[in-house]
Amino acid sequence: MSTTQDVDATIQFRMNSTIKDGAFAVLREMGISPSEAMRVFMTQVYKTRTLPLVIAADPVDADQPADAGYTQWLRERLQKTINALDSGEMKSYSNETAKAVMHARLEARRSKLNLPA
């Protein structure tokens, strides 16, 4: 996904070498350079004014099962959603329709904020 846009700035930061080495290995497998990955990331932040990733808390102990209270809450929430879909109270949309709606909303936000497309 390399581009020939004007590249006139440098970003430098420090991080854990184990994470860096692991991430660089994954990027190599994907066929993308670390610099290009950061350009893609920063471009998405600029264009969408959001972080293009989901941030979740790490489990306290990955070897332990999830908190029983959370598991119960999640099951109840999923059942409620399934019931709402089955009853027609909630609608589901095709992937194409959902993408079109989200694209329209994003374009409206960009236009409102005078951001480039």
Protein backbone atom coordinates (compact mmCIF):
# COMPACT_ATOMS: atom_id res chain seq x y z
CA MET A 1 0.00 0.00 0.00
CA SER A 2 2.99 2.22 -0.49
CA THR A 3 2.34 5.73 -1.71
CA THR A 4 4.50 8.49 -3.12
CA GLN A 5 2.83 11.30 -1.20
CA ASP A 6 5.02 14.07 0.15
CA VAL A 7 6.80 12.60 3.13
CA ASP A 8 8.23 15.48 5.11
CA ALA A 9 8.06 14.49 8.79
CA THR A 10 9.64 11.90 11.05
CA ILE A 11 8.09 10.29 14.10
CA GLN A 12 10.27 8.54 16.65
CA PHE A 13 9.16 6.75 19.82
CA ARG A 14 10.39 4.19 22.31
CA MET A 15 8.71 0.89 23.10
CA ASN A 16 9.31 -2.59 24.50
CA SER A 17 11.68 -4.49 22.18
CA THR A 18 9.75 -7.77 22.50
CA ILE A 19 6.54 -6.10 21.33
CA LYS A 20 8.39 -4.26 18.56
CA ASP A 21 10.07 -7.43 17.28
CA GLY A 22 6.81 -9.38 17.38
CA ALA A 23 4.86 -6.63 15.63
CA PHE A 24 7.54 -6.22 12.94
CA ALA A 25 7.41 -9.99 12.31
CA VAL A 26 3.63 -9.86 11.87
CA LEU A 27 3.94 -6.88 9.52
CA ARG A 28 6.55 -8.77 7.45
CA GLU A 29 4.10 -11.67 7.15
CA MET A 30 1.49 -9.18 5.93
CA GLY A 31 3.92 -7.73 3.39
CA ILE A 32 3.81 -4.23 4.87
CA SER A 33 6.62 -2.17 6.34
CA PRO A 34 6.40 -0.71 9.84
CA SER A 35 6.59 2.78 8.33
CA GLU A 36 3.69 2.07 5.98
CA ALA A 37 1.65 0.57 8.84
CA MET A 38 2.16 3.75 10.87
CA ARG A 39 1.27 5.92 7.85
CA VAL A 40 -1.97 3.96 7.40
CA PHE A 41 -2.75 4.21 11.11
CA MET A 42 -2.05 7.96 11.30
CA THR A 43 -4.00 8.62 8.08
CA GLN A 44 -7.05 6.87 9.53
CA VAL A 45 -6.77 8.85 12.77
CA TYR A 46 -6.60 12.05 10.72
CA LYS A 47 -9.45 11.17 8.36
CA THR A 48 -11.87 9.66 10.88
CA ARG A 49 -10.84 11.51 14.05
CA THR A 50 -10.95 8.14 15.85
CA LEU A 51 -8.53 5.36 16.70
CA PRO A 52 -8.88 2.69 13.99
CA LEU A 53 -8.78 -0.15 16.48
CA VAL A 54 -10.60 -1.55 19.45
CA ILE A 55 -8.99 -1.02 22.84
CA ALA A 56 -9.86 -3.55 25.51
CA ALA A 57 -8.46 -4.19 28.95
CA ASP A 58 -6.12 -7.15 29.28
CA PRO A 59 -7.44 -9.91 31.50
CA VAL A 60 -5.84 -9.84 34.94
CA ASP A 61 -4.81 -13.47 34.58
CA ALA A 62 -5.25 -15.01 31.13
CA ASP A 63 -5.16 -18.52 32.62
CA GLN A 64 -8.23 -17.85 34.77
CA PRO A 65 -11.78 -18.11 33.37
CA ALA A 66 -13.70 -14.89 32.74
CA ASP A 67 -15.55 -13.34 35.66
CA ALA A 68 -18.80 -15.27 36.18
CA GLY A 69 -20.77 -12.05 36.55
CA TYR A 70 -19.55 -10.78 33.19
CA THR A 71 -20.26 -14.10 31.51
CA GLN A 72 -23.81 -14.07 32.85
CA TRP A 73 -24.31 -10.43 31.78
CA LEU A 74 -22.99 -11.18 28.30
CA ARG A 75 -25.28 -14.21 27.87
CA GLU A 76 -28.30 -12.15 28.98
CA ARG A 77 -27.36 -9.30 26.64
CA LEU A 78 -26.95 -11.67 23.69
CA GLN A 79 -30.28 -13.34 24.44
CA LYS A 80 -31.98 -9.94 24.64
CA THR A 81 -30.52 -9.00 21.26
CA ILE A 82 -31.59 -12.32 19.70
CA ASN A 83 -35.12 -11.85 21.09
CA ALA A 84 -35.28 -8.29 19.72
CA LEU A 85 -34.19 -9.50 16.28
CA ASP A 86 -36.67 -12.40 16.33
CA SER A 87 -39.57 -10.14 17.37
CA GLY A 88 -38.80 -7.49 14.75
CA GLU A 89 -38.07 -4.89 17.45
CA MET A 90 -34.52 -4.68 16.10
CA LYS A 91 -33.57 -4.88 12.43
CA SER A 92 -30.58 -6.53 10.86
CA TYR A 93 -28.96 -5.30 7.68
CA SER A 94 -26.74 -6.85 5.05
CA ASN A 95 -23.05 -6.11 5.23
CA GLU A 96 -23.31 -3.99 2.07
CA THR A 97 -26.15 -1.88 3.51
CA ALA A 98 -24.32 -1.40 6.82
CA LYS A 99 -21.16 -0.33 4.97
CA ALA A 100 -23.13 2.13 2.84
CA VAL A 101 -24.81 3.66 5.90
CA MET A 102 -21.52 3.97 7.78
CA HIS A 103 -19.80 5.44 4.70
CA ALA A 104 -22.55 8.05 4.35
CA ARG A 105 -22.27 8.96 8.04
CA LEU A 106 -18.48 9.23 7.79
CA GLU A 107 -18.71 11.43 4.70
CA ALA A 108 -21.25 13.68 6.46
CA ARG A 109 -18.91 13.99 9.46
CA ARG A 110 -15.92 14.77 7.20
CA SER A 111 -17.94 17.37 5.33
CA LYS A 112 -19.12 18.98 8.58
CA LEU A 113 -15.54 19.13 9.88
CA ASN A 114 -14.10 20.19 6.49
CA LEU A 115 -11.79 17.15 6.39
CA PRO A 116 -10.44 15.71 3.13
CA ALA A 117 -12.16 12.62 1.77
